[in-house]
Amino acid sequence: MSIERNDLIIVMTKGIYDEVSSVGLTLANGALTAEMNVGLFLTSSAIDLVRRDGVNHTHVHPMEPLKALLHDFIDRGGKVWACPPCTSARGYDQSSLIDGVEIQGASVIFARIKAGAASLTF
């Protein structure tokens, strides 16, 4: 049996001080290269990855700096959604986040998962 899936949701929970955030973004960019439709849903401390200036704090060698990975992902059409309660808990609003990030609830990923999207969590 062959299942073809073109949509991928990556849920990220790790923030700027955890190398797992670089791994998640590296895989997200790889999925774009594989011509998948990719969305990142950021929760918990991963919200800080898209806070203005927060993205400047993570670089895990030998990977590219997190800022480059994130901007490459967005520039290539990847979608980034930030959990509303997680942004609110940190005192962030839309203006606190880098361009290309939307504050959206989990329904944005559930609709895609119901339609057959695969998912990964970091």
PDB file of N, CA and C in Angstrom:
ATOM      1  N   MET A   1       0.842  -1.177   0.000  1.00  0.00           N
ATOM      2  CA  MET A   1       0.000   0.000   0.000  1.00  0.00           C
ATOM      3  C   MET A   1       0.889   1.243   0.000  1.00  0.00           C
ATOM      4  N   SER A   2       0.580   2.187  -0.867  1.00  0.00           N
ATOM      5  CA  SER A   2       1.348   3.410  -0.977  1.00  0.00           C
ATOM      6  C   SER A   2       0.502   4.593  -0.552  1.00  0.00           C
ATOM      7  N   ILE A   3       1.012   5.356   0.391  1.00  0.00           N
ATOM      8  CA  ILE A   3       0.317   6.556   0.848  1.00  0.00           C
ATOM      9  C   ILE A   3       1.170   7.751   0.473  1.00  0.00           C
ATOM     10  N   GLU A   4       0.603   8.665  -0.275  1.00  0.00           N
ATOM     11  CA  GLU A   4       1.335   9.862  -0.654  1.00  0.00           C
ATOM     12  C   GLU A   4       0.800  11.041   0.134  1.00  0.00           C
ATOM     13  N   ARG A   5       1.668  11.646   0.874  1.00  0.00           N
ATOM     14  CA  ARG A   5       1.289  12.818   1.652  1.00  0.00           C
ATOM     15  C   ARG A   5       2.208  13.955   1.249  1.00  0.00           C
ATOM     16  N   ASN A   6       1.605  15.093   1.033  1.00  0.00           N
ATOM     17  CA  ASN A   6       2.386  16.249   0.647  1.00  0.00           C
ATOM     18  C   ASN A   6       2.399  17.325   1.724  1.00  0.00           C
ATOM     19  N   ASP A   7       1.556  17.185   2.728  1.00  0.00           N
ATOM     20  CA  ASP A   7       1.458  18.187   3.784  1.00  0.00           C
ATOM     21  C   ASP A   7       2.101  17.675   5.062  1.00  0.00           C
ATOM     22  N   LEU A   8       2.852  18.563   5.712  1.00  0.00           N
ATOM     23  CA  LEU A   8       3.530  18.223   6.948  1.00  0.00           C
ATOM     24  C   LEU A   8       3.341  19.348   7.953  1.00  0.00           C
ATOM     25  N   ILE A   9       2.970  18.984   9.163  1.00  0.00           N
ATOM     26  CA  ILE A   9       2.883  19.919  10.278  1.00  0.00           C
ATOM     27  C   ILE A   9       3.986  19.540  11.263  1.00  0.00           C
ATOM     28  N   ILE A  10       4.787  20.528  11.634  1.00  0.00           N
ATOM     29  CA  ILE A  10       5.807  20.320  12.654  1.00  0.00           C
ATOM     30  C   ILE A  10       5.427  21.163  13.864  1.00  0.00           C
ATOM     31  N   VAL A  11       5.200  20.492  14.979  1.00  0.00           N
ATOM     32  CA  VAL A  11       4.880  21.178  16.228  1.00  0.00           C
ATOM     33  C   VAL A  11       6.179  21.320  17.004  1.00  0.00           C
ATOM     34  N   MET A  12       6.528  22.553  17.317  1.00  0.00           N
ATOM     35  CA  MET A  12       7.779  22.809  18.028  1.00  0.00           C
ATOM     36  C   MET A  12       7.483  23.365  19.414  1.00  0.00           C
ATOM     37  N   THR A  13       8.166  22.785  20.421  1.00  0.00           N
ATOM     38  CA  THR A  13       7.967  23.205  21.799  1.00  0.00           C
ATOM     39  C   THR A  13       9.256  23.719  22.442  1.00  0.00           C
ATOM     40  N   LYS A  14      10.376  23.564  21.778  1.00  0.00           N
ATOM     41  CA  LYS A  14      11.675  23.942  22.342  1.00  0.00           C
ATOM     42  C   LYS A  14      12.062  25.340  21.897  1.00  0.00           C
ATOM     43  N   GLY A  15      12.696  26.071  22.786  1.00  0.00           N
ATOM     44  CA  GLY A  15      12.997  27.468  22.532  1.00  0.00           C
ATOM     45  C   GLY A  15      14.415  27.755  22.103  1.00  0.00           C
ATOM     46  N   ILE A  16      14.822  28.996  22.338  1.00  0.00           N
ATOM     47  CA  ILE A  16      16.083  29.504  21.807  1.00  0.00           C
ATOM     48  C   ILE A  16      17.307  28.885  22.457  1.00  0.00           C
ATOM     49  N   TYR A  17      17.162  28.241  23.601  1.00  0.00           N
ATOM     50  CA  TYR A  17      18.319  27.658  24.274  1.00  0.00           C
ATOM     51  C   TYR A  17      18.398  26.140  24.114  1.00  0.00           C
ATOM     52  N   ASP A  18      17.695  25.611  23.128  1.00  0.00           N
ATOM     53  CA  ASP A  18      17.666  24.173  22.920  1.00  0.00           C
ATOM     54  C   ASP A  18      17.978  23.865  21.461  1.00  0.00           C
ATOM     55  N   GLU A  19      18.985  23.028  21.229  1.00  0.00           N
ATOM     56  CA  GLU A  19      19.388  22.709  19.860  1.00  0.00           C
ATOM     57  C   GLU A  19      18.305  21.989  19.070  1.00  0.00           C
ATOM     58  N   VAL A  20      17.331  21.412  19.756  1.00  0.00           N
ATOM     59  CA  VAL A  20      16.246  20.717  19.051  1.00  0.00           C
ATOM     60  C   VAL A  20      15.478  21.690  18.151  1.00  0.00           C
ATOM     61  N   SER A  21      15.458  22.967  18.509  1.00  0.00           N
ATOM     62  CA  SER A  21      14.790  23.944  17.647  1.00  0.00           C
ATOM     63  C   SER A  21      15.486  24.039  16.289  1.00  0.00           C
ATOM     64  N   SER A  22      16.798  23.944  16.272  1.00  0.00           N
ATOM     65  CA  SER A  22      17.521  23.961  14.996  1.00  0.00           C
ATOM     66  C   SER A  22      17.237  22.702  14.185  1.00  0.00           C
ATOM     67  N   VAL A  23      17.103  21.571  14.857  1.00  0.00           N
ATOM     68  CA  VAL A  23      16.790  20.321  14.161  1.00  0.00           C
ATOM     69  C   VAL A  23      15.412  20.421  13.511  1.00  0.00           C
ATOM     70  N   GLY A  24      14.430  20.911  14.248  1.00  0.00           N
ATOM     71  CA  GLY A  24      13.081  21.054  13.699  1.00  0.00           C
ATOM     72  C   GLY A  24      13.056  21.946  12.475  1.00  0.00           C
ATOM     73  N   LEU A  25      13.771  23.061  12.531  1.00  0.00           N
ATOM     74  CA  LEU A  25      13.797  23.976  11.392  1.00  0.00           C
ATOM     75  C   LEU A  25      14.594  23.409  10.220  1.00  0.00           C
ATOM     76  N   THR A  26      15.633  22.647  10.493  1.00  0.00           N
ATOM     77  CA  THR A  26      16.389  22.002   9.422  1.00  0.00           C
ATOM     78  C   THR A  26      15.500  21.001   8.684  1.00  0.00           C
ATOM     79  N   LEU A  27      14.736  20.221   9.439  1.00  0.00           N
ATOM     80  CA  LEU A  27      13.819  19.270   8.806  1.00  0.00           C
ATOM     81  C   LEU A  27      12.691  19.981   8.067  1.00  0.00           C
ATOM     82  N   ALA A  28      12.216  21.077   8.606  1.00  0.00           N
ATOM     83  CA  ALA A  28      11.161  21.844   7.927  1.00  0.00           C
ATOM     84  C   ALA A  28      11.652  22.347   6.577  1.00  0.00           C
ATOM     85  N   ASN A  29      12.872  22.854   6.537  1.00  0.00           N
ATOM     86  CA  ASN A  29      13.426  23.312   5.262  1.00  0.00           C
ATOM     87  C   ASN A  29      13.673  22.148   4.308  1.00  0.00           C
ATOM     88  N   GLY A  30      14.099  21.020   4.853  1.00  0.00           N
ATOM     89  CA  GLY A  30      14.270  19.836   4.015  1.00  0.00           C
ATOM     90  C   GLY A  30      12.962  19.388   3.393  1.00  0.00           C
ATOM     91  N   ALA A  31      11.889  19.476   4.157  1.00  0.00           N
ATOM     92  CA  ALA A  31      10.574  19.101   3.625  1.00  0.00           C
ATOM     93  C   ALA A  31      10.149  20.060   2.511  1.00  0.00           C
ATOM     94  N   LEU A  32      10.473  21.348   2.647  1.00  0.00           N
ATOM     95  CA  LEU A  32      10.178  22.283   1.555  1.00  0.00           C
ATOM     96  C   LEU A  32      10.969  21.912   0.309  1.00  0.00           C
ATOM     97  N   THR A  33      12.221  21.531   0.498  1.00  0.00           N
ATOM     98  CA  THR A  33      13.055  21.115  -0.629  1.00  0.00           C
ATOM     99  C   THR A  33      12.468  19.879  -1.306  1.00  0.00           C
ATOM    100  N   ALA A  34      11.832  19.015  -0.505  1.00  0.00           N
ATOM    101  CA  ALA A  34      11.176  17.817  -1.039  1.00  0.00           C
ATOM    102  C   ALA A  34       9.789  18.144  -1.607  1.00  0.00           C
ATOM    103  N   GLU A  35       9.512  19.434  -1.749  1.00  0.00           N
ATOM    104  CA  GLU A  35       8.264  19.929  -2.344  1.00  0.00           C
ATOM    105  C   GLU A  35       7.024  19.589  -1.529  1.00  0.00           C
ATOM    106  N   MET A  36       7.182  19.585  -0.217  1.00  0.00           N
ATOM    107  CA  MET A  36       6.041  19.397   0.680  1.00  0.00           C
ATOM    108  C   MET A  36       5.511  20.768   1.092  1.00  0.00           C
ATOM    109  N   ASN A  37       4.251  20.803   1.481  1.00  0.00           N
ATOM    110  CA  ASN A  37       3.644  21.987   2.083  1.00  0.00           C
ATOM    111  C   ASN A  37       3.862  21.858   3.582  1.00  0.00           C
ATOM    112  N   VAL A  38       4.571  22.804   4.172  1.00  0.00           N
ATOM    113  CA  VAL A  38       4.990  22.658   5.557  1.00  0.00           C
ATOM    114  C   VAL A  38       4.489  23.821   6.399  1.00  0.00           C
ATOM    115  N   GLY A  39       3.977  23.465   7.574  1.00  0.00           N
ATOM    116  CA  GLY A  39       3.587  24.473   8.542  1.00  0.00           C
ATOM    117  C   GLY A  39       4.223  24.170   9.886  1.00  0.00           C
ATOM    118  N   LEU A  40       4.712  25.216  10.550  1.00  0.00           N
ATOM    119  CA  LEU A  40       5.250  25.091  11.902  1.00  0.00           C
ATOM    120  C   LEU A  40       4.222  25.648  12.874  1.00  0.00           C
ATOM    121  N   PHE A  41       3.914  24.879  13.909  1.00  0.00           N
ATOM    122  CA  PHE A  41       3.045  25.359  14.978  1.00  0.00           C
ATOM    123  C   PHE A  41       3.901  25.452  16.229  1.00  0.00           C
ATOM    124  N   LEU A  42       4.091  26.669  16.726  1.00  0.00           N
ATOM    125  CA  LEU A  42       4.982  26.912  17.850  1.00  0.00           C
ATOM    126  C   LEU A  42       4.192  27.050  19.149  1.00  0.00           C
ATOM    127  N   THR A  43       4.618  26.297  20.168  1.00  0.00           N
ATOM    128  CA  THR A  43       3.991  26.352  21.477  1.00  0.00           C
ATOM    129  C   THR A  43       5.076  26.502  22.535  1.00  0.00           C
ATOM    130  N   SER A  44       4.643  26.744  23.754  1.00  0.00           N
ATOM    131  CA  SER A  44       5.548  26.825  24.909  1.00  0.00           C
ATOM    132  C   SER A  44       6.729  27.741  24.603  1.00  0.00           C
ATOM    133  N   SER A  45       7.934  27.338  24.967  1.00  0.00           N
ATOM    134  CA  SER A  45       9.088  28.218  24.786  1.00  0.00           C
ATOM    135  C   SER A  45       9.503  28.381  23.324  1.00  0.00           C
ATOM    136  N   ALA A  46       8.948  27.599  22.419  1.00  0.00           N
ATOM    137  CA  ALA A  46       9.249  27.785  20.991  1.00  0.00           C
ATOM    138  C   ALA A  46       8.742  29.139  20.490  1.00  0.00           C
ATOM    139  N   ILE A  47       7.801  29.733  21.191  1.00  0.00           N
ATOM    140  CA  ILE A  47       7.304  31.061  20.822  1.00  0.00           C
ATOM    141  C   ILE A  47       8.463  32.064  20.772  1.00  0.00           C
ATOM    142  N   ASP A  48       9.433  31.895  21.656  1.00  0.00           N
ATOM    143  CA  ASP A  48      10.558  32.830  21.688  1.00  0.00           C
ATOM    144  C   ASP A  48      11.410  32.776  20.425  1.00  0.00           C
ATOM    145  N   LEU A  49      11.298  31.699  19.652  1.00  0.00           N
ATOM    146  CA  LEU A  49      12.044  31.593  18.400  1.00  0.00           C
ATOM    147  C   LEU A  49      11.637  32.675  17.410  1.00  0.00           C
ATOM    148  N   VAL A  50      10.391  33.110  17.470  1.00  0.00           N
ATOM    149  CA  VAL A  50       9.889  34.084  16.505  1.00  0.00           C
ATOM    150  C   VAL A  50       9.659  35.461  17.118  1.00  0.00           C
ATOM    151  N   ARG A  51      10.092  35.633  18.349  1.00  0.00           N
ATOM    152  CA  ARG A  51      10.039  36.953  18.985  1.00  0.00           C
ATOM    153  C   ARG A  51      11.099  37.828  18.326  1.00  0.00           C
ATOM    154  N   ARG A  52      10.751  39.046  18.040  1.00  0.00           N
ATOM    155  CA  ARG A  52      11.741  39.958  17.453  1.00  0.00           C
ATOM    156  C   ARG A  52      12.992  39.928  18.329  1.00  0.00           C
ATOM    157  N   ASP A  53      14.104  39.680  17.736  1.00  0.00           N
ATOM    158  CA  ASP A  53      15.425  39.552  18.345  1.00  0.00           C
ATOM    159  C   ASP A  53      15.667  38.193  19.000  1.00  0.00           C
ATOM    160  N   GLY A  54      14.651  37.463  19.391  1.00  0.00           N
ATOM    161  CA  GLY A  54      14.846  36.148  19.990  1.00  0.00           C
ATOM    162  C   GLY A  54      15.526  35.182  19.056  1.00  0.00           C
ATOM    163  N   VAL A  55      15.212  35.282  17.787  1.00  0.00           N
ATOM    164  CA  VAL A  55      15.764  34.385  16.781  1.00  0.00           C
ATOM    165  C   VAL A  55      17.284  34.538  16.648  1.00  0.00           C
ATOM    166  N   ASN A  56      17.826  35.614  17.139  1.00  0.00           N
ATOM    167  CA  ASN A  56      19.274  35.849  17.035  1.00  0.00           C
ATOM    168  C   ASN A  56      20.095  35.055  18.040  1.00  0.00           C
ATOM    169  N   HIS A  57      19.463  34.336  18.960  1.00  0.00           N
ATOM    170  CA  HIS A  57      20.178  33.717  20.072  1.00  0.00           C
ATOM    171  C   HIS A  57      20.512  32.232  19.913  1.00  0.00           C
ATOM    172  N   THR A  58      20.060  31.571  18.870  1.00  0.00           N
ATOM    173  CA  THR A  58      20.324  30.143  18.738  1.00  0.00           C
ATOM    174  C   THR A  58      21.156  29.861  17.496  1.00  0.00           C
ATOM    175  N   HIS A  59      22.265  29.189  17.714  1.00  0.00           N
ATOM    176  CA  HIS A  59      23.102  28.716  16.613  1.00  0.00           C
ATOM    177  C   HIS A  59      23.815  27.463  17.104  1.00  0.00           C
ATOM    178  N   VAL A  60      23.413  26.344  16.547  1.00  0.00           N
ATOM    179  CA  VAL A  60      24.008  25.067  16.911  1.00  0.00           C
ATOM    180  C   VAL A  60      24.920  24.631  15.770  1.00  0.00           C
ATOM    181  N   HIS A  61      26.205  24.636  16.005  1.00  0.00           N
ATOM    182  CA  HIS A  61      27.167  24.227  14.973  1.00  0.00           C
ATOM    183  C   HIS A  61      27.070  22.725  14.770  1.00  0.00           C
ATOM    184  N   PRO A  62      27.140  22.226  13.563  1.00  0.00           N
ATOM    185  CA  PRO A  62      27.521  22.878  12.322  1.00  0.00           C
ATOM    186  C   PRO A  62      26.328  23.382  11.513  1.00  0.00           C
ATOM    187  N   MET A  63      25.140  23.403  12.089  1.00  0.00           N
ATOM    188  CA  MET A  63      23.963  23.866  11.352  1.00  0.00           C
ATOM    189  C   MET A  63      24.041  25.369  11.127  1.00  0.00           C
ATOM    190  N   GLU A  64      23.201  25.831  10.208  1.00  0.00           N
ATOM    191  CA  GLU A  64      23.126  27.268   9.959  1.00  0.00           C
ATOM    192  C   GLU A  64      22.534  27.960  11.178  1.00  0.00           C
ATOM    193  N   PRO A  65      22.812  29.252  11.338  1.00  0.00           N
ATOM    194  CA  PRO A  65      22.176  29.983  12.432  1.00  0.00           C
ATOM    195  C   PRO A  65      20.650  29.877  12.327  1.00  0.00           C
ATOM    196  N   LEU A  66      19.999  29.830  13.452  1.00  0.00           N
ATOM    197  CA  LEU A  66      18.546  29.687  13.491  1.00  0.00           C
ATOM    198  C   LEU A  66      17.853  30.778  12.685  1.00  0.00           C
ATOM    199  N   LYS A  67      18.354  31.976  12.771  1.00  0.00           N
ATOM    200  CA  LYS A  67      17.748  33.092  12.030  1.00  0.00           C
ATOM    201  C   LYS A  67      17.716  32.784  10.530  1.00  0.00           C
ATOM    202  N   ALA A  68      18.824  32.269   9.996  1.00  0.00           N
ATOM    203  CA  ALA A  68      18.882  31.932   8.572  1.00  0.00           C
ATOM    204  C   ALA A  68      17.900  30.811   8.241  1.00  0.00           C
ATOM    205  N   LEU A  69      17.835  29.797   9.099  1.00  0.00           N
ATOM    206  CA  LEU A  69      16.910  28.683   8.859  1.00  0.00           C
ATOM    207  C   LEU A  69      15.458  29.158   8.858  1.00  0.00           C
ATOM    208  N   LEU A  70      15.118  30.001   9.807  1.00  0.00           N
ATOM    209  CA  LEU A  70      13.738  30.474   9.933  1.00  0.00           C
ATOM    210  C   LEU A  70      13.359  31.382   8.770  1.00  0.00           C
ATOM    211  N   HIS A  71      14.228  32.317   8.428  1.00  0.00           N
ATOM    212  CA  HIS A  71      13.914  33.223   7.321  1.00  0.00           C
ATOM    213  C   HIS A  71      13.873  32.478   5.991  1.00  0.00           C
ATOM    214  N   ASP A  72      14.750  31.498   5.809  1.00  0.00           N
ATOM    215  CA  ASP A  72      14.718  30.683   4.595  1.00  0.00           C
ATOM    216  C   ASP A  72      13.383  29.944   4.508  1.00  0.00           C
ATOM    217  N   PHE A  73      12.948  29.384   5.630  1.00  0.00           N
ATOM    218  CA  PHE A  73      11.682  28.657   5.664  1.00  0.00           C
ATOM    219  C   PHE A  73      10.522  29.567   5.253  1.00  0.00           C
ATOM    220  N   ILE A  74      10.435  30.732   5.844  1.00  0.00           N
ATOM    221  CA  ILE A  74       9.341  31.665   5.540  1.00  0.00           C
ATOM    222  C   ILE A  74       9.439  32.158   4.102  1.00  0.00           C
ATOM    223  N   ASP A  75      10.641  32.527   3.661  1.00  0.00           N
ATOM    224  CA  ASP A  75      10.826  33.047   2.298  1.00  0.00           C
ATOM    225  C   ASP A  75      10.466  32.026   1.234  1.00  0.00           C
ATOM    226  N   ARG A  76      10.594  30.736   1.563  1.00  0.00           N
ATOM    227  CA  ARG A  76      10.285  29.671   0.601  1.00  0.00           C
ATOM    228  C   ARG A  76       8.832  29.210   0.682  1.00  0.00           C
ATOM    229  N   GLY A  77       8.026  29.888   1.463  1.00  0.00           N
ATOM    230  CA  GLY A  77       6.597  29.587   1.496  1.00  0.00           C
ATOM    231  C   GLY A  77       6.126  28.777   2.682  1.00  0.00           C
ATOM    232  N   GLY A  78       7.010  28.465   3.611  1.00  0.00           N
ATOM    233  CA  GLY A  78       6.586  27.761   4.818  1.00  0.00           C
ATOM    234  C   GLY A  78       5.711  28.652   5.682  1.00  0.00           C
ATOM    235  N   LYS A  79       4.762  28.051   6.357  1.00  0.00           N
ATOM    236  CA  LYS A  79       3.838  28.785   7.225  1.00  0.00           C
ATOM    237  C   LYS A  79       4.270  28.625   8.676  1.00  0.00           C
ATOM    238  N   VAL A  80       4.179  29.708   9.442  1.00  0.00           N
ATOM    239  CA  VAL A  80       4.528  29.669  10.859  1.00  0.00           C
ATOM    240  C   VAL A  80       3.365  30.236  11.658  1.00  0.00           C
ATOM    241  N   TRP A  81       2.884  29.406  12.591  1.00  0.00           N
ATOM    242  CA  TRP A  81       1.783  29.819  13.460  1.00  0.00           C
ATOM    243  C   TRP A  81       2.242  29.768  14.912  1.00  0.00           C
ATOM    244  N   ALA A  82       1.867  30.789  15.665  1.00  0.00           N
ATOM    245  CA  ALA A  82       2.209  30.872  17.082  1.00  0.00           C
ATOM    246  C   ALA A  82       0.942  30.683  17.911  1.00  0.00           C
ATOM    247  N   CYS A  83       1.018  29.819  18.901  1.00  0.00           N
ATOM    248  CA  CYS A  83      -0.099  29.498  19.790  1.00  0.00           C
ATOM    249  C   CYS A  83      -0.566  30.750  20.548  1.00  0.00           C
ATOM    250  N   PRO A  84      -1.848  31.091  20.452  1.00  0.00           N
ATOM    251  CA  PRO A  84      -2.339  32.292  21.129  1.00  0.00           C
ATOM    252  C   PRO A  84      -2.133  32.310  22.652  1.00  0.00           C
ATOM    253  N   PRO A  85      -2.499  31.241  23.397  1.00  0.00           N
ATOM    254  CA  PRO A  85      -2.267  31.310  24.841  1.00  0.00           C
ATOM    255  C   PRO A  85      -0.776  31.397  25.200  1.00  0.00           C
ATOM    256  N   CYS A  86       0.074  30.782  24.380  1.00  0.00           N
ATOM    257  CA  CYS A  86       1.509  30.813  24.656  1.00  0.00           C
ATOM    258  C   CYS A  86       2.093  32.199  24.415  1.00  0.00           C
ATOM    259  N   THR A  87       1.627  32.883  23.379  1.00  0.00           N
ATOM    260  CA  THR A  87       2.098  34.244  23.134  1.00  0.00           C
ATOM    261  C   THR A  87       1.570  35.178  24.225  1.00  0.00           C
ATOM    262  N   SER A  88       0.315  35.017  24.558  1.00  0.00           N
ATOM    263  CA  SER A  88      -0.302  35.856  25.584  1.00  0.00           C
ATOM    264  C   SER A  88       0.376  35.689  26.946  1.00  0.00           C
ATOM    265  N   ALA A  89       0.708  34.446  27.295  1.00  0.00           N
ATOM    266  CA  ALA A  89       1.356  34.169  28.587  1.00  0.00           C
ATOM    267  C   ALA A  89       2.709  34.873  28.700  1.00  0.00           C
ATOM    268  N   ARG A  90       3.328  35.154  27.557  1.00  0.00           N
ATOM    269  CA  ARG A  90       4.627  35.821  27.551  1.00  0.00           C
ATOM    270  C   ARG A  90       4.504  37.324  27.338  1.00  0.00           C
ATOM    271  N   GLY A  91       3.261  37.798  27.221  1.00  0.00           N
ATOM    272  CA  GLY A  91       3.041  39.226  27.008  1.00  0.00           C
ATOM    273  C   GLY A  91       3.303  39.672  25.585  1.00  0.00           C
ATOM    274  N   TYR A  92       3.299  38.733  24.618  1.00  0.00           N
ATOM    275  CA  TYR A  92       3.562  39.058  23.224  1.00  0.00           C
ATOM    276  C   TYR A  92       2.247  39.267  22.487  1.00  0.00           C
ATOM    277  N   ASP A  93       2.291  40.142  21.498  1.00  0.00           N
ATOM    278  CA  ASP A  93       1.192  40.275  20.554  1.00  0.00           C
ATOM    279  C   ASP A  93       1.793  40.190  19.150  1.00  0.00           C
ATOM    280  N   GLN A  94       0.985  40.409  18.124  1.00  0.00           N
ATOM    281  CA  GLN A  94       1.469  40.251  16.747  1.00  0.00           C
ATOM    282  C   GLN A  94       2.691  41.131  16.471  1.00  0.00           C
ATOM    283  N   SER A  95       2.718  42.326  17.035  1.00  0.00           N
ATOM    284  CA  SER A  95       3.842  43.232  16.788  1.00  0.00           C
ATOM    285  C   SER A  95       5.136  42.770  17.464  1.00  0.00           C
ATOM    286  N   SER A  96       5.042  41.822  18.390  1.00  0.00           N
ATOM    287  CA  SER A  96       6.224  41.285  19.078  1.00  0.00           C
ATOM    288  C   SER A  96       6.943  40.233  18.253  1.00  0.00           C
ATOM    289  N   LEU A  97       6.293  39.762  17.182  1.00  0.00           N
ATOM    290  CA  LEU A  97       6.803  38.631  16.417  1.00  0.00           C
ATOM    291  C   LEU A  97       7.395  39.080  15.086  1.00  0.00           C
ATOM    292  N   ILE A  98       8.297  38.272  14.549  1.00  0.00           N
ATOM    293  CA  ILE A  98       8.906  38.595  13.259  1.00  0.00           C
ATOM    294  C   ILE A  98       7.863  38.513  12.155  1.00  0.00           C
ATOM    295  N   ASP A  99       8.143  39.177  11.054  1.00  0.00           N
ATOM    296  CA  ASP A  99       7.246  39.149   9.902  1.00  0.00           C
ATOM    297  C   ASP A  99       7.112  37.727   9.381  1.00  0.00           C
ATOM    298  N   GLY A 100       5.912  37.380   8.956  1.00  0.00           N
ATOM    299  CA  GLY A 100       5.660  36.054   8.404  1.00  0.00           C
ATOM    300  C   GLY A 100       5.090  35.069   9.401  1.00  0.00           C
ATOM    301  N   VAL A 101       4.923  35.489  10.645  1.00  0.00           N
ATOM    302  CA  VAL A 101       4.368  34.620  11.686  1.00  0.00           C
ATOM    303  C   VAL A 101       2.960  35.097  12.008  1.00  0.00           C
ATOM    304  N   GLU A 102       2.028  34.151  12.116  1.00  0.00           N
ATOM    305  CA  GLU A 102       0.651  34.477  12.473  1.00  0.00           C
ATOM    306  C   GLU A 102       0.309  33.852  13.819  1.00  0.00           C
ATOM    307  N   ILE A 103      -0.378  34.591  14.649  1.00  0.00           N
ATOM    308  CA  ILE A 103      -0.914  34.017  15.881  1.00  0.00           C
ATOM    309  C   ILE A 103      -2.203  33.301  15.494  1.00  0.00           C
ATOM    310  N   GLN A 104      -2.203  31.979  15.638  1.00  0.00           N
ATOM    311  CA  GLN A 104      -3.337  31.137  15.236  1.00  0.00           C
ATOM    312  C   GLN A 104      -3.527  30.015  16.243  1.00  0.00           C
ATOM    313  N   GLY A 105      -4.765  29.653  16.475  1.00  0.00           N
ATOM    314  CA  GLY A 105      -5.066  28.540  17.364  1.00  0.00           C
ATOM    315  C   GLY A 105      -4.806  27.196  16.700  1.00  0.00           C
ATOM    316  N   ALA A 106      -4.929  26.147  17.484  1.00  0.00           N
ATOM    317  CA  ALA A 106      -4.636  24.792  17.018  1.00  0.00           C
ATOM    318  C   ALA A 106      -5.550  24.343  15.885  1.00  0.00           C
ATOM    319  N   SER A 107      -6.685  24.991  15.709  1.00  0.00           N
ATOM    320  CA  SER A 107      -7.587  24.582  14.626  1.00  0.00           C
ATOM    321  C   SER A 107      -6.906  24.673  13.265  1.00  0.00           C
ATOM    322  N   VAL A 108      -5.927  25.567  13.111  1.00  0.00           N
ATOM    323  CA  VAL A 108      -5.222  25.703  11.846  1.00  0.00           C
ATOM    324  C   VAL A 108      -4.458  24.422  11.494  1.00  0.00           C
ATOM    325  N   ILE A 109      -3.938  23.720  12.503  1.00  0.00           N
ATOM    326  CA  ILE A 109      -3.243  22.467  12.199  1.00  0.00           C
ATOM    327  C   ILE A 109      -4.187  21.276  12.191  1.00  0.00           C
ATOM    328  N   PHE A 110      -5.227  21.327  13.005  1.00  0.00           N
ATOM    329  CA  PHE A 110      -6.170  20.203  13.035  1.00  0.00           C
ATOM    330  C   PHE A 110      -6.858  20.027  11.684  1.00  0.00           C
ATOM    331  N   ALA A 111      -7.192  21.115  11.017  1.00  0.00           N
ATOM    332  CA  ALA A 111      -7.821  21.017   9.697  1.00  0.00           C
ATOM    333  C   ALA A 111      -6.893  20.299   8.720  1.00  0.00           C
ATOM    334  N   ARG A 112      -5.617  20.595   8.785  1.00  0.00           N
ATOM    335  CA  ARG A 112      -4.658  19.956   7.883  1.00  0.00           C
ATOM    336  C   ARG A 112      -4.432  18.488   8.244  1.00  0.00           C
ATOM    337  N   ILE A 113      -4.372  18.206   9.530  1.00  0.00           N
ATOM    338  CA  ILE A 113      -4.195  16.816   9.958  1.00  0.00           C
ATOM    339  C   ILE A 113      -5.412  15.982   9.562  1.00  0.00           C
ATOM    340  N   LYS A 114      -6.599  16.529   9.727  1.00  0.00           N
ATOM    341  CA  LYS A 114      -7.814  15.812   9.315  1.00  0.00           C
ATOM    342  C   LYS A 114      -7.806  15.523   7.820  1.00  0.00           C
ATOM    343  N   ALA A 115      -7.175  16.400   7.043  1.00  0.00           N
ATOM    344  CA  ALA A 115      -7.110  16.212   5.591  1.00  0.00           C
ATOM    345  C   ALA A 115      -5.967  15.281   5.182  1.00  0.00           C
ATOM    346  N   GLY A 116      -5.200  14.778   6.177  1.00  0.00           N
ATOM    347  CA  GLY A 116      -4.174  13.788   5.864  1.00  0.00           C
ATOM    348  C   GLY A 116      -2.735  14.233   6.073  1.00  0.00           C
ATOM    349  N   ALA A 117      -2.514  15.426   6.598  1.00  0.00           N
ATOM    350  CA  ALA A 117      -1.141  15.887   6.814  1.00  0.00           C
ATOM    351  C   ALA A 117      -0.420  14.986   7.826  1.00  0.00           C
ATOM    352  N   ALA A 118       0.833  14.761   7.575  1.00  0.00           N
ATOM    353  CA  ALA A 118       1.685  14.072   8.551  1.00  0.00           C
ATOM    354  C   ALA A 118       2.099  15.099   9.587  1.00  0.00           C
ATOM    355  N   SER A 119       2.568  14.604  10.745  1.00  0.00           N
ATOM    356  CA  SER A 119       3.019  15.552  11.770  1.00  0.00           C
ATOM    357  C   SER A 119       4.261  15.020  12.483  1.00  0.00           C
ATOM    358  N   LEU A 120       5.091  15.953  12.899  1.00  0.00           N
ATOM    359  CA  LEU A 120       6.290  15.687  13.696  1.00  0.00           C
ATOM    360  C   LEU A 120       6.259  16.644  14.878  1.00  0.00           C
ATOM    361  N   THR A 121       6.896  16.266  15.961  1.00  0.00           N
ATOM    362  CA  THR A 121       6.971  17.141  17.120  1.00  0.00           C
ATOM    363  C   THR A 121       8.405  17.244  17.602  1.00  0.00           C
ATOM    364  N   PHE A 122       8.828  18.469  17.897  1.00  0.00           N
ATOM    365  CA  PHE A 122      10.156  18.736  18.436  1.00  0.00           C
ATOM    366  C   PHE A 122      10.026  19.628  19.638  1.00  0.00           C
TER     367      PHE A 122
END
